C-alpha atoms as a PDB file:
ATOM      1  CA  MET A   1      -0.004   0.062   0.030  1.00  0.00           C
ATOM      2  CA  PRO A   2       1.623   3.269  -1.081  1.00  0.00           C
ATOM      3  CA  LYS A   3       2.344   5.705   1.813  1.00  0.00           C
ATOM      4  CA  ILE A   4       1.876   9.371   1.016  1.00  0.00           C
ATOM      5  CA  LEU A   5       3.210  12.367   3.121  1.00  0.00           C
ATOM      6  CA  VAL A   6       1.281  15.595   2.911  1.00  0.00           C
ATOM      7  CA  ALA A   7       3.241  18.612   4.140  1.00  0.00           C
ATOM      8  CA  ASP A   8       1.040  21.747   4.521  1.00  0.00           C
ATOM      9  CA  ASP A   9       0.577  24.333   7.308  1.00  0.00           C
ATOM     10  CA  GLU A  10      -3.123  24.535   6.373  1.00  0.00           C
ATOM     11  CA  ILE A  11      -4.774  22.202   8.851  1.00  0.00           C
ATOM     12  CA  ASP A  12      -7.849  22.221   6.769  1.00  0.00           C
ATOM     13  CA  LEU A  13      -6.132  20.374   3.988  1.00  0.00           C
ATOM     14  CA  GLU A  14      -5.610  17.179   6.299  1.00  0.00           C
ATOM     15  CA  THR A  15      -9.317  17.184   7.135  1.00  0.00           C
ATOM     16  CA  LEU A  16     -10.301  17.597   3.458  1.00  0.00           C
ATOM     17  CA  ILE A  17      -8.007  14.845   2.322  1.00  0.00           C
ATOM     18  CA  LYS A  18      -9.235  12.394   4.929  1.00  0.00           C
ATOM     19  CA  GLN A  19     -12.806  13.160   3.892  1.00  0.00           C
ATOM     20  CA  LYS A  20     -12.291  13.116   0.014  1.00  0.00           C
ATOM     21  CA  PHE A  21     -10.105   9.882   0.191  1.00  0.00           C
ATOM     22  CA  ARG A  22     -11.971   8.215   3.040  1.00  0.00           C
ATOM     23  CA  LYS A  23     -12.992   5.186   0.802  1.00  0.00           C
ATOM     24  CA  GLN A  24      -9.441   4.720  -0.505  1.00  0.00           C
ATOM     25  CA  ILE A  25      -8.134   5.044   3.085  1.00  0.00           C
ATOM     26  CA  ARG A  26     -10.696   2.553   4.388  1.00  0.00           C
ATOM     27  CA  ASP A  27      -9.883   0.090   1.469  1.00  0.00           C
ATOM     28  CA  GLU A  28      -6.202   0.468   2.335  1.00  0.00           C
ATOM     29  CA  LYS A  29      -5.455   1.720  -1.132  1.00  0.00           C
ATOM     30  CA  TYR A  30      -3.530   4.720   0.217  1.00  0.00           C
ATOM     31  CA  GLU A  31      -2.085   5.641   3.626  1.00  0.00           C
ATOM     32  CA  PHE A  32      -1.557   9.252   4.497  1.00  0.00           C
ATOM     33  CA  VAL A  33       0.921  10.810   6.832  1.00  0.00           C
ATOM     34  CA  PHE A  34       0.620  14.690   7.605  1.00  0.00           C
ATOM     35  CA  ALA A  35       3.238  17.276   8.461  1.00  0.00           C
ATOM     36  CA  ILE A  36       2.586  21.050   9.171  1.00  0.00           C
ATOM     37  CA  ASN A  37       5.747  22.141   7.615  1.00  0.00           C
ATOM     38  CA  GLY A  38       9.080  21.097   5.805  1.00  0.00           C
ATOM     39  CA  LYS A  39      10.815  20.579   9.180  1.00  0.00           C
ATOM     40  CA  ASP A  40       8.016  18.468  10.558  1.00  0.00           C
ATOM     41  CA  ALA A  41       8.066  16.610   7.193  1.00  0.00           C
ATOM     42  CA  ILE A  42      11.678  15.616   7.590  1.00  0.00           C
ATOM     43  CA  LEU A  43      10.891  14.106  11.071  1.00  0.00           C
ATOM     44  CA  LYS A  44       7.980  12.261   9.559  1.00  0.00           C
ATOM     45  CA  LEU A  45      10.086  10.752   6.693  1.00  0.00           C
ATOM     46  CA  GLU A  46      12.442   9.479   9.372  1.00  0.00           C
ATOM     47  CA  GLU A  47       9.627   7.807  11.280  1.00  0.00           C
ATOM     48  CA  HIS A  48       8.232   6.423   8.078  1.00  0.00           C
ATOM     49  CA  PRO A  49      11.058   5.315   5.746  1.00  0.00           C
ATOM     50  CA  ASP A  50       8.540   3.493   3.481  1.00  0.00           C
ATOM     51  CA  ILE A  51       6.917   6.741   2.303  1.00  0.00           C
ATOM     52  CA  SER A  52       7.237   6.839  -1.403  1.00  0.00           C
ATOM     53  CA  ILE A  53       5.418  10.144  -2.387  1.00  0.00           C
ATOM     54  CA  VAL A  54       5.364  13.559  -0.918  1.00  0.00           C
ATOM     55  CA  LEU A  55       2.644  16.159  -1.399  1.00  0.00           C
ATOM     56  CA  SER A  56       4.134  19.492  -0.386  1.00  0.00           C
ATOM     57  CA  ASP A  57       3.012  23.033  -0.256  1.00  0.00           C
ATOM     58  CA  ILE A  58       5.573  25.569  -1.338  1.00  0.00           C
ATOM     59  CA  ASN A  59       4.875  28.346   1.172  1.00  0.00           C
ATOM     60  CA  MET A  60       5.296  27.007   4.757  1.00  0.00           C
ATOM     61  CA  PRO A  61       6.823  28.236   7.953  1.00  0.00           C
ATOM     62  CA  GLU A  62      10.164  27.084   9.446  1.00  0.00           C
ATOM     63  CA  MET A  63      11.032  25.235   6.260  1.00  0.00           C
ATOM     64  CA  ASP A  64       9.419  25.881   2.811  1.00  0.00           C
ATOM     65  CA  GLY A  65       8.471  23.328   0.250  1.00  0.00           C
ATOM     66  CA  LEU A  66      11.437  24.159  -2.157  1.00  0.00           C
ATOM     67  CA  THR A  67      13.975  23.560   0.750  1.00  0.00           C
ATOM     68  CA  LEU A  68      12.104  20.377   1.604  1.00  0.00           C
ATOM     69  CA  LEU A  69      12.254  19.206  -1.962  1.00  0.00           C
ATOM     70  CA  THR A  70      15.981  19.833  -2.295  1.00  0.00           C
ATOM     71  CA  LYS A  71      16.605  17.714   0.906  1.00  0.00           C
ATOM     72  CA  ILE A  72      14.436  14.966  -0.378  1.00  0.00           C
ATOM     73  CA  THR A  73      16.053  14.897  -3.834  1.00  0.00           C
ATOM     74  CA  ASP A  74      19.528  14.790  -2.107  1.00  0.00           C
ATOM     75  CA  SER A  75      18.699  12.051   0.346  1.00  0.00           C
ATOM     76  CA  ASN A  76      16.206   9.864  -1.459  1.00  0.00           C
ATOM     77  CA  PRO A  77      16.081  10.321  -5.213  1.00  0.00           C
ATOM     78  CA  LEU A  78      13.496   7.575  -5.583  1.00  0.00           C
ATOM     79  CA  MET A  79      10.938   9.412  -3.646  1.00  0.00           C
ATOM     80  CA  LYS A  80       8.782  11.627  -5.845  1.00  0.00           C
ATOM     81  CA  THR A  81       7.442  14.952  -4.771  1.00  0.00           C
ATOM     82  CA  VAL A  82       4.253  16.719  -6.092  1.00  0.00           C
ATOM     83  CA  MET A  83       3.986  20.364  -5.274  1.00  0.00           C
ATOM     84  CA  VAL A  84       0.826  22.004  -4.085  1.00  0.00           C
ATOM     85  CA  SER A  85       0.632  25.749  -4.611  1.00  0.00           C
ATOM     86  CA  ALA A  86      -1.520  28.709  -5.610  1.00  0.00           C
ATOM     87  CA  TYR A  87      -2.027  29.092  -9.340  1.00  0.00           C
ATOM     88  CA  GLY A  88      -0.383  32.485  -9.454  1.00  0.00           C
ATOM     89  CA  ASP A  89       2.924  31.176  -7.878  1.00  0.00           C
ATOM     90  CA  MET A  90       4.184  29.997 -11.298  1.00  0.00           C
ATOM     91  CA  GLU A  91       7.756  31.211 -10.662  1.00  0.00           C
ATOM     92  CA  ASN A  92       8.066  29.029  -7.602  1.00  0.00           C
ATOM     93  CA  ILE A  93       6.396  26.057  -9.386  1.00  0.00           C
ATOM     94  CA  ARG A  94       8.951  26.349 -12.234  1.00  0.00           C
ATOM     95  CA  SER A  95      11.699  26.482  -9.727  1.00  0.00           C
ATOM     96  CA  ALA A  96      10.323  23.298  -8.017  1.00  0.00           C
ATOM     97  CA  MET A  97      10.172  21.481 -11.368  1.00  0.00           C
ATOM     98  CA  ASN A  98      13.767  22.460 -12.011  1.00  0.00           C
ATOM     99  CA  LYS A  99      14.696  21.086  -8.601  1.00  0.00           C
ATOM    100  CA  GLY A 100      13.280  17.629  -9.411  1.00  0.00           C
ATOM    101  CA  ALA A 101       9.531  17.861  -8.533  1.00  0.00           C
ATOM    102  CA  PHE A 102       7.526  15.143 -10.320  1.00  0.00           C
ATOM    103  CA  ASP A 103       4.374  17.243 -10.882  1.00  0.00           C
ATOM    104  CA  PHE A 104       2.265  20.004  -9.354  1.00  0.00           C
ATOM    105  CA  VAL A 105      -1.404  20.671  -8.536  1.00  0.00           C
ATOM    106  CA  CYS A 106      -2.825  24.191  -7.919  1.00  0.00           C
ATOM    107  CA  LYS A 107      -4.941  25.485  -4.972  1.00  0.00           C
ATOM    108  CA  PRO A 108      -7.848  25.359  -4.327  1.00  0.00           C
ATOM    109  CA  VAL A 109      -7.177  21.673  -4.736  1.00  0.00           C
ATOM    110  CA  ASN A 110      -9.321  19.691  -7.349  1.00  0.00           C
ATOM    111  CA  PHE A 111      -9.456  16.269  -5.621  1.00  0.00           C
ATOM    112  CA  GLU A 112     -10.302  14.433  -8.773  1.00  0.00           C
ATOM    113  CA  ASP A 113      -7.040  15.893 -10.397  1.00  0.00           C
ATOM    114  CA  LEU A 114      -5.252  15.171  -7.226  1.00  0.00           C
ATOM    115  CA  GLU A 115      -6.117  11.524  -7.234  1.00  0.00           C
ATOM    116  CA  LEU A 116      -5.233  11.274 -10.944  1.00  0.00           C
ATOM    117  CA  THR A 117      -1.798  12.809 -10.141  1.00  0.00           C
ATOM    118  CA  ILE A 118      -1.385  10.502  -7.132  1.00  0.00           C
ATOM    119  CA  GLU A 119      -2.045   7.480  -9.422  1.00  0.00           C
ATOM    120  CA  LYS A 120       0.250   8.723 -12.035  1.00  0.00           C
ATOM    121  CA  THR A 121       3.109   9.221  -9.370  1.00  0.00           C
ATOM    122  CA  ILE A 122       2.530   5.839  -7.801  1.00  0.00           C
ATOM    123  CA  LYS A 123       2.874   4.075 -11.231  1.00  0.00           C
ATOM    124  CA  HIS A 124       6.066   6.033 -11.951  1.00  0.00           C
ATOM    125  CA  VAL A 125       7.553   5.078  -8.580  1.00  0.00           C
ATOM    126  CA  ALA A 126       6.642   1.444  -9.179  1.00  0.00           C
ATOM    127  CA  GLN A 127       8.116   1.428 -12.578  1.00  0.00           C
ATOM    128  CA  ILE A 128      11.377   2.852 -11.272  1.00  0.00           C
ATOM    129  CA  THR A 129      11.488   0.331  -8.384  1.00  0.00           C
ATOM    130  CA  GLU A 130      10.975  -2.571 -10.888  1.00  0.00           C
ATOM    131  CA  THR A 131      13.753  -1.269 -13.095  1.00  0.00           C
ATOM    132  CA  LEU A 132      16.219  -0.941 -10.232  1.00  0.00           C
ATOM    133  CA  LYS A 133      15.180  -4.414  -8.983  1.00  0.00           C
ATOM    134  CA  ALA A 134      15.858  -5.936 -12.534  1.00  0.00           C
ATOM    135  CA  ILE A 135      19.285  -4.053 -12.624  1.00  0.00           C
ATOM    136  CA  LYS A 136      20.144  -5.351  -9.164  1.00  0.00           C
ATOM    137  CA  GLU A 137      19.155  -8.900 -10.104  1.00  0.00           C
ATOM    138  CA  ASN A 138      21.062  -8.786 -13.244  1.00  0.00           C
ATOM    139  CA  ASN A 139      24.181  -7.434 -11.389  1.00  0.00           C
ATOM    140  CA  ILE A 140      23.865 -10.247  -8.776  1.00  0.00           C
ATOM    141  CA  LEU A 141      23.522 -12.748 -11.602  1.00  0.00           C
ATOM    142  CA  ARG A 142      26.802 -11.400 -13.086  1.00  0.00           C
ATOM    143  CA  MET A 143      28.505 -12.096  -9.734  1.00  0.00           C
ATOM    144  CA  TYR A 144      27.751 -15.760  -9.969  1.00  0.00           C
ATOM    145  CA  VAL A 145      27.490 -16.563 -13.731  1.00  0.00           C
ATOM    146  CA  ASP A 146      30.251 -16.532 -16.255  1.00  0.00           C
ATOM    147  CA  GLU A 147      30.024 -13.722 -18.942  1.00  0.00           C
ATOM    148  CA  THR A 148      29.859 -16.383 -21.748  1.00  0.00           C
ATOM    149  CA  VAL A 149      26.950 -18.103 -20.118  1.00  0.00           C
ATOM    150  CA  LEU A 150      25.047 -14.693 -19.823  1.00  0.00           C
ATOM    151  CA  ASN A 151      25.679 -14.031 -23.495  1.00  0.00           C
ATOM    152  CA  PHE A 152      24.326 -17.451 -24.412  1.00  0.00           C
ATOM    153  CA  MET A 153      21.190 -16.802 -22.292  1.00  0.00           C
ATOM    154  CA  SER A 154      20.299 -13.974 -24.527  1.00  0.00           C
ATOM    155  CA  THR A 155      20.419 -16.161 -27.600  1.00  0.00           C
ATOM    156  CA  GLN A 156      17.476 -17.828 -29.412  1.00  0.00           C
ATOM    157  CA  GLN A 157      19.229 -21.231 -28.863  1.00  0.00           C
ATOM    158  CA  PHE A 158      18.886 -20.602 -25.093  1.00  0.00           C
ATOM    159  CA  GLU A 159      15.299 -19.743 -25.419  1.00  0.00           C
ATOM    160  CA  ASP A 160      14.563 -22.846 -27.464  1.00  0.00           C
ATOM    161  CA  SER A 161      16.533 -24.988 -24.971  1.00  0.00           C
ATOM    162  CA  LEU A 162      14.243 -23.742 -22.074  1.00  0.00           C
ATOM    163  CA  LEU A 163      11.239 -25.552 -23.878  1.00  0.00           C
ATOM    164  CA  VAL A 164      13.022 -28.965 -24.127  1.00  0.00           C
ATOM    165  CA  ASN A 165      11.558 -31.515 -21.691  1.00  0.00           C
ATOM    166  CA  GLU A 166      12.844 -35.086 -21.347  1.00  0.00           C
ATOM    167  CA  THR A 167      12.554 -38.396 -19.690  1.00  0.00           C
ATOM    168  CA  ILE A 168      15.791 -39.248 -17.981  1.00  0.00           C
ATOM    169  CA  GLU A 169      17.436 -41.925 -15.700  1.00  0.00           C
ATOM    170  CA  ALA A 170      18.538 -40.144 -12.545  1.00  0.00           C
ATOM    171  CA  THR A 171      18.972 -40.672  -8.820  1.00  0.00           C
ATOM    172  CA  VAL A 172      17.408 -38.155  -6.352  1.00  0.00           C
ATOM    173  CA  ALA A 173      18.521 -37.586  -2.807  1.00  0.00           C
ATOM    174  CA  PHE A 174      16.646 -35.596  -0.146  1.00  0.00           C
ATOM    175  CA  ILE A 175      18.882 -34.484   2.731  1.00  0.00           C
ATOM    176  CA  ASP A 176      17.235 -32.816   5.665  1.00  0.00           C
ATOM    177  CA  ILE A 177      18.914 -31.270   8.752  1.00  0.00           C
ATOM    178  CA  CYS A 178      17.135 -32.867  11.620  1.00  0.00           C
ATOM    179  CA  GLY A 179      15.709 -30.686  14.346  1.00  0.00           C
ATOM    180  CA  PHE A 180      16.642 -27.378  12.707  1.00  0.00           C
ATOM    181  CA  THR A 181      13.085 -26.054  12.638  1.00  0.00           C
ATOM    182  CA  ALA A 182      13.207 -25.583  16.425  1.00  0.00           C
ATOM    183  CA  ILE A 183      16.315 -23.444  15.959  1.00  0.00           C
ATOM    184  CA  THR A 184      14.394 -21.179  13.602  1.00  0.00           C
ATOM    185  CA  GLU A 185      11.700 -20.679  16.176  1.00  0.00           C
ATOM    186  CA  SER A 186      14.121 -19.375  18.876  1.00  0.00           C
ATOM    187  CA  ALA A 187      17.330 -18.073  17.372  1.00  0.00           C
ATOM    188  CA  PRO A 188      17.937 -14.640  15.824  1.00  0.00           C
ATOM    189  CA  ALA A 189      17.525 -14.568  11.942  1.00  0.00           C
ATOM    190  CA  ASN A 190      21.205 -13.813  11.227  1.00  0.00           C
ATOM    191  CA  THR A 191      22.191 -16.749  13.495  1.00  0.00           C
ATOM    192  CA  VAL A 192      19.792 -19.135  11.665  1.00  0.00           C
ATOM    193  CA  VAL A 193      20.919 -18.205   8.237  1.00  0.00           C
ATOM    194  CA  LYS A 194      24.621 -18.243   9.128  1.00  0.00           C
ATOM    195  CA  MET A 195      24.157 -21.843  10.740  1.00  0.00           C
ATOM    196  CA  LEU A 196      22.189 -23.085   7.761  1.00  0.00           C
ATOM    197  CA  ASN A 197      24.662 -21.773   5.145  1.00  0.00           C
ATOM    198  CA  THR A 198      27.553 -23.355   7.049  1.00  0.00           C
ATOM    199  CA  TYR A 199      25.838 -26.846   7.036  1.00  0.00           C
ATOM    200  CA  PHE A 200      24.747 -26.459   3.370  1.00  0.00           C
ATOM    201  CA  ASP A 201      28.270 -25.485   2.247  1.00  0.00           C
ATOM    202  CA  VAL A 202      29.504 -28.779   3.789  1.00  0.00           C
ATOM    203  CA  MET A 203      26.727 -30.783   2.044  1.00  0.00           C
ATOM    204  CA  VAL A 204      27.092 -29.001  -1.369  1.00  0.00           C
ATOM    205  CA  LYS A 205      30.822 -29.663  -1.634  1.00  0.00           C
ATOM    206  CA  GLU A 206      30.308 -33.347  -1.241  1.00  0.00           C
ATOM    207  CA  ILE A 207      27.414 -33.365  -3.736  1.00  0.00           C
ATOM    208  CA  ILE A 208      29.506 -31.581  -6.308  1.00  0.00           C
ATOM    209  CA  ALA A 209      32.416 -33.814  -5.662  1.00  0.00           C
ATOM    210  CA  GLN A 210      30.369 -36.802  -6.840  1.00  0.00           C
ATOM    211  CA  ASP A 211      29.099 -34.929  -9.870  1.00  0.00           C
ATOM    212  CA  GLY A 212      25.699 -34.279  -8.593  1.00  0.00           C
ATOM    213  CA  HIS A 213      24.012 -30.958  -8.855  1.00  0.00           C
ATOM    214  CA  ILE A 214      21.636 -29.089  -6.374  1.00  0.00           C
ATOM    215  CA  ASP A 215      18.151 -29.080  -7.877  1.00  0.00           C
ATOM    216  CA  LYS A 216      16.819 -26.806  -5.042  1.00  0.00           C
ATOM    217  CA  PHE A 217      17.047 -25.904  -1.335  1.00  0.00           C
ATOM    218  CA  ILE A 218      13.839 -26.513   0.546  1.00  0.00           C
ATOM    219  CA  GLY A 219      13.867 -24.806   3.888  1.00  0.00           C
ATOM    220  CA  ASP A 220      16.571 -26.721   5.825  1.00  0.00           C
ATOM    221  CA  ALA A 221      16.776 -29.556   3.237  1.00  0.00           C
ATOM    222  CA  ILE A 222      18.621 -30.128  -0.043  1.00  0.00           C
ATOM    223  CA  MET A 223      17.248 -31.938  -3.127  1.00  0.00           C
ATOM    224  CA  ALA A 224      20.220 -33.280  -5.162  1.00  0.00           C
ATOM    225  CA  VAL A 225      20.137 -35.075  -8.509  1.00  0.00           C
ATOM    226  CA  PHE A 226      22.765 -37.359  -9.865  1.00  0.00           C
ATOM    227  CA  ARG A 227      22.911 -38.396 -13.564  1.00  0.00           C
ATOM    228  CA  GLY A 228      25.106 -40.621 -15.692  1.00  0.00           C
ATOM    229  CA  LYS A 229      27.310 -43.585 -14.909  1.00  0.00           C
ATOM    230  CA  HIS A 230      27.268 -45.047 -11.368  1.00  0.00           C
ATOM    231  CA  GLN A 231      24.774 -42.324 -10.415  1.00  0.00           C
ATOM    232  CA  LEU A 232      23.279 -44.307  -7.441  1.00  0.00           C
ATOM    233  CA  ASP A 233      26.700 -45.257  -6.062  1.00  0.00           C
ATOM    234  CA  ARG A 234      27.934 -41.572  -6.344  1.00  0.00           C
ATOM    235  CA  ALA A 235      24.705 -40.393  -4.643  1.00  0.00           C
ATOM    236  CA  ILE A 236      25.248 -42.766  -1.675  1.00  0.00           C
ATOM    237  CA  ASP A 237      28.990 -41.885  -1.530  1.00  0.00           C
ATOM    238  CA  ALA A 238      27.984 -38.173  -1.243  1.00  0.00           C
ATOM    239  CA  CYS A 239      25.393 -38.911   1.371  1.00  0.00           C
ATOM    240  CA  LEU A 240      27.765 -40.950   3.505  1.00  0.00           C
ATOM    241  CA  ALA A 241      30.287 -38.274   3.245  1.00  0.00           C
ATOM    242  CA  ILE A 242      27.771 -35.593   4.284  1.00  0.00           C
ATOM    243  CA  ARG A 243      26.647 -37.592   7.343  1.00  0.00           C
ATOM    244  CA  ASN A 244      30.222 -38.314   8.416  1.00  0.00           C
ATOM    245  CA  LEU A 245      31.332 -34.722   8.016  1.00  0.00           C
ATOM    246  CA  LEU A 246      28.391 -33.196   9.860  1.00  0.00           C
ATOM    247  CA  ASP A 247      28.905 -35.762  12.761  1.00  0.00           C
ATOM    248  CA  LYS A 248      32.459 -34.323  13.071  1.00  0.00           C
ATOM    249  CA  LEU A 249      31.622 -30.759  12.635  1.00  0.00           C
ATOM    250  CA  PRO A 250      32.460 -28.762  15.777  1.00  0.00           C
ATOM    251  CA  GLN A 251      29.610 -27.022  17.499  1.00  0.00           C
ATOM    252  CA  LEU A 252      29.142 -23.580  16.257  1.00  0.00           C
ATOM    253  CA  ASP A 253      30.055 -20.797  18.726  1.00  0.00           C
ATOM    254  CA  ASN A 254      26.487 -19.364  19.105  1.00  0.00           C
ATOM    255  CA  GLY A 255      25.339 -20.763  22.475  1.00  0.00           C
ATOM    256  CA  LEU A 256      22.646 -22.871  20.934  1.00  0.00           C
ATOM    257  CA  ASN A 257      24.232 -26.240  21.730  1.00  0.00           C
ATOM    258  CA  PHE A 258      23.098 -27.638  18.368  1.00  0.00           C
ATOM    259  CA  LEU A 259      24.872 -30.611  16.724  1.00  0.00           C
ATOM    260  CA  PRO A 260      23.600 -31.217  13.152  1.00  0.00           C
ATOM    261  CA  LYS A 261      22.377 -34.643  12.114  1.00  0.00           C
ATOM    262  CA  VAL A 262      20.856 -35.395   8.641  1.00  0.00           C
ATOM    263  CA  SER A 263      18.063 -37.937   7.578  1.00  0.00           C
ATOM    264  CA  ILE A 264      18.374 -38.933   4.033  1.00  0.00           C
ATOM    265  CA  GLY A 265      16.167 -40.555   1.342  1.00  0.00           C
ATOM    266  CA  ILE A 266      17.511 -41.853  -1.951  1.00  0.00           C
ATOM    267  CA  ASN A 267      15.699 -43.281  -4.861  1.00  0.00           C
ATOM    268  CA  SER A 268      16.616 -43.933  -8.511  1.00  0.00           C
ATOM    269  CA  GLY A 269      14.860 -44.450 -11.723  1.00  0.00           C
ATOM    270  CA  GLU A 270      13.045 -42.769 -14.615  1.00  0.00           C
ATOM    271  CA  LEU A 271      11.775 -39.292 -14.119  1.00  0.00           C
ATOM    272  CA  ILE A 272      10.838 -36.194 -16.095  1.00  0.00           C
ATOM    273  CA  SER A 273      13.212 -33.334 -16.409  1.00  0.00           C
ATOM    274  CA  GLY A 274      11.997 -29.873 -17.680  1.00  0.00           C
ATOM    275  CA  ASN A 275      11.106 -26.219 -16.972  1.00  0.00           C
ATOM    276  CA  ILE A 276       8.185 -26.167 -14.553  1.00  0.00           C
ATOM    277  CA  GLY A 277       6.524 -23.241 -12.963  1.00  0.00           C
ATOM    278  CA  SER A 278       4.390 -20.292 -14.050  1.00  0.00           C
ATOM    279  CA  GLY A 279       4.911 -18.383 -17.196  1.00  0.00           C
ATOM    280  CA  THR A 280       2.495 -15.717 -15.853  1.00  0.00           C
ATOM    281  CA  LEU A 281       4.813 -15.097 -12.971  1.00  0.00           C
ATOM    282  CA  ARG A 282       7.915 -15.658 -15.097  1.00  0.00           C
ATOM    283  CA  ARG A 283       9.216 -18.140 -12.584  1.00  0.00           C
ATOM    284  CA  LEU A 284      10.202 -21.394 -13.993  1.00  0.00           C
ATOM    285  CA  ASP A 285      12.557 -24.012 -12.382  1.00  0.00           C
ATOM    286  CA  TYR A 286      14.460 -26.480 -14.370  1.00  0.00           C
ATOM    287  CA  THR A 287      13.687 -29.400 -12.191  1.00  0.00           C
ATOM    288  CA  VAL A 288      12.745 -33.032 -12.055  1.00  0.00           C
ATOM    289  CA  VAL A 289       9.335 -34.642 -11.266  1.00  0.00           C
ATOM    290  CA  GLY A 290       7.748 -38.026 -11.039  1.00  0.00           C
ATOM    291  CA  ASP A 291       7.243 -40.982  -8.691  1.00  0.00           C
ATOM    292  CA  VAL A 292      11.021 -41.455  -8.182  1.00  0.00           C
ATOM    293  CA  VAL A 293      11.203 -37.911  -6.720  1.00  0.00           C
ATOM    294  CA  ASN A 294       8.085 -38.330  -4.563  1.00  0.00           C
ATOM    295  CA  THR A 295       9.317 -41.644  -3.231  1.00  0.00           C
ATOM    296  CA  ALA A 296      12.704 -40.237  -2.346  1.00  0.00           C
ATOM    297  CA  SER A 297      11.048 -37.421  -0.410  1.00  0.00           C
ATOM    298  CA  ARG A 298       8.825 -39.901   1.508  1.00  0.00           C
ATOM    299  CA  LEU A 299      11.884 -42.149   2.216  1.00  0.00           C
ATOM    300  CA  GLN A 300      13.631 -39.094   3.775  1.00  0.00           C
ATOM    301  CA  SER A 301      10.480 -38.352   5.873  1.00  0.00           C
ATOM    302  CA  ILE A 302      10.637 -41.671   7.616  1.00  0.00           C
ATOM    303  CA  ALA A 303      14.426 -41.711   8.038  1.00  0.00           C
ATOM    304  CA  LYS A 304      15.716 -41.107  11.514  1.00  0.00           C
ATOM    305  CA  ALA A 305      18.620 -38.787  12.462  1.00  0.00           C
ATOM    306  CA  GLY A 306      21.714 -40.243  10.893  1.00  0.00           C
ATOM    307  CA  GLN A 307      19.879 -42.722   8.588  1.00  0.00           C
ATOM    308  CA  ILE A 308      20.296 -43.096   4.854  1.00  0.00           C
ATOM    309  CA  ILE A 309      17.181 -44.851   3.591  1.00  0.00           C
ATOM    310  CA  ILE A 310      16.921 -46.527   0.154  1.00  0.00           C
ATOM    311  CA  SER A 311      14.239 -48.499  -1.557  1.00  0.00           C
ATOM    312  CA  GLU A 312      14.519 -52.260  -2.281  1.00  0.00           C
ATOM    313  CA  SER A 313      15.269 -51.690  -6.037  1.00  0.00           C
ATOM    314  CA  ALA A 314      18.040 -49.448  -5.153  1.00  0.00           C
ATOM    315  CA  TYR A 315      19.441 -51.984  -2.694  1.00  0.00           C
ATOM    316  CA  GLN A 316      19.434 -54.566  -5.246  1.00  0.00           C
ATOM    317  CA  LYS A 317      21.717 -52.408  -7.434  1.00  0.00           C
ATOM    318  CA  VAL A 318      24.239 -51.349  -4.707  1.00  0.00           C
ATOM    319  CA  LYS A 319      24.123 -54.400  -2.177  1.00  0.00           C
ATOM    320  CA  GLU A 320      27.575 -55.599  -3.309  1.00  0.00           C
ATOM    321  CA  SER A 321      29.178 -52.125  -2.899  1.00  0.00           C
ATOM    322  CA  PHE A 322      27.553 -50.996   0.370  1.00  0.00           C
ATOM    323  CA  ASN A 323      26.789 -52.379   3.744  1.00  0.00           C
ATOM    324  CA  CYS A 324      23.056 -52.126   4.112  1.00  0.00           C
ATOM    325  CA  ILE A 325      20.567 -53.617   6.629  1.00  0.00           C
ATOM    326  CA  SER A 326      16.885 -54.332   6.135  1.00  0.00           C
ATOM    327  CA  VAL A 327      14.508 -51.868   8.035  1.00  0.00           C
ATOM    328  CA  GLY A 328      11.355 -53.758   6.980  1.00  0.00           C
ATOM    329  CA  GLU A 329       8.199 -52.713   5.083  1.00  0.00           C
ATOM    330  CA  VAL A 330       6.660 -49.372   5.259  1.00  0.00           C
ATOM    331  CA  SER A 331       3.532 -47.806   3.761  1.00  0.00           C
ATOM    332  CA  LEU A 332       4.141 -44.639   1.760  1.00  0.00           C
ATOM    333  CA  LYS A 333       1.608 -42.148   0.671  1.00  0.00           C
ATOM    334  CA  ASN A 334       0.121 -42.924  -2.711  1.00  0.00           C
ATOM    335  CA  LYS A 335       1.701 -46.371  -2.862  1.00  0.00           C
ATOM    336  CA  GLN A 336      -0.828 -49.105  -3.098  1.00  0.00           C
ATOM    337  CA  HIS A 337       1.192 -51.714  -1.329  1.00  0.00           C
ATOM    338  CA  PRO A 338       3.903 -51.482   1.439  1.00  0.00           C
ATOM    339  CA  ILE A 339       7.595 -51.407   0.277  1.00  0.00           C
ATOM    340  CA  SER A 340      10.656 -52.818   1.642  1.00  0.00           C
ATOM    341  CA  ILE A 341      13.319 -50.370   2.679  1.00  0.00           C
ATOM    342  CA  TYR A 342      17.033 -50.593   3.646  1.00  0.00           C
ATOM    343  CA  GLU A 343      19.400 -48.401   5.567  1.00  0.00           C
ATOM    344  CA  VAL A 344      22.816 -47.774   4.180  1.00  0.00           C
ATOM    345  CA  ILE A 345      25.387 -48.178   7.020  1.00  0.00           C
ATOM    346  CA  ASP A 346      28.702 -47.727   5.167  1.00  0.00           C
END
C-alpha cells in the first residue's frame, strides 16, 4: 500500500484529504501521513522510511517546500514529490520542477485531479522500483554466472532449450537437517541463516564432488540429482560423506548447543526433467518430477537422524558395494502396497 506524506501548514487540507479519500483509506489503497511544515516533514520521513510520495505546499513556515524538495532529492532520489501551490505562484512552481519535482497541483485543490496525479506518481515510482530491481538482479547474476553463459542466455538457442523436456534416468537424494526447525523458532534470523549456510556448504561440496547437482534448497533440506554412470553409487557416497562430516563438525560458537544430524532418502529410476513453474509469474525451475522424486522425499521423511534410507530396487543395485541392513516394510503415501526399505550403514 503506497504511503503518502502531505506537508502543508493549512490544517484544513488534512481534514479535506481524509474526507475526500475516506474510501481509499478505508480500503487501504492509500495511507496518508501529515506534517505541518518542511521541518516536521523531515521528522515524519525518518519515522516512516517506507513513504514513497510527498505532496508538499511551497509556502510554509520554518522550512518551505522548495527547501524540503531539495533535501528529499539529495537524500532519497527515488521518492517523488508533487508540489501544491497557488495558481499564481508559477515562478516557484517552475523552480520546483527544475529542482526535481515530479508534478504539481494548484490550490484550491481539485481532488479528482489530485487523485489522478497521485495514481500517475504511484505508477512512476513502481516502474522505477521494478527497473532498479531488475538491474540489481542482473548485477547479482553477473556475480555468480560467467559472462559467456550470460551471452548464451540472450540467444534464441537458449530460449529454445528452455522448452525442451525429457525423460531421464537419474537418482534423487533428499537430505534434511534434523531438528533445525526448532532453532528457527528461537534463534535470531542472522544466526539461523549463518548456521544453515555453514551446513549447506559442507553438503554442497560433497554433492558436487560426486558430480551431482543441487536441484533446490527446500527450507533446511537439499534436493540433489545425480545423472550418468554409477549415479546411485555416487549419490550414496555423497550422502555418506555428508553424514560423516556433519557428525565431526564442531559445535558452532553461538550458544545454541546444536549438533547437526541428517536424515536422507535416496531413490533411483526414470523421471521427467523440464522447466516447471508459472509463465505468468515468469518463474520457472528447471527441475525433475515423477514418482522417483516423490518416493525419495517420503523415504527421507521416515528416516531417523543419521539414517540413509533407500528402496529395495536401489538396494538390489548397490548391495555388493555398500553395507546395508533391512529396515522392513513401510507404507508410503500414494503407494498401493507397502515397500521394503533398507538403511545404508557404510
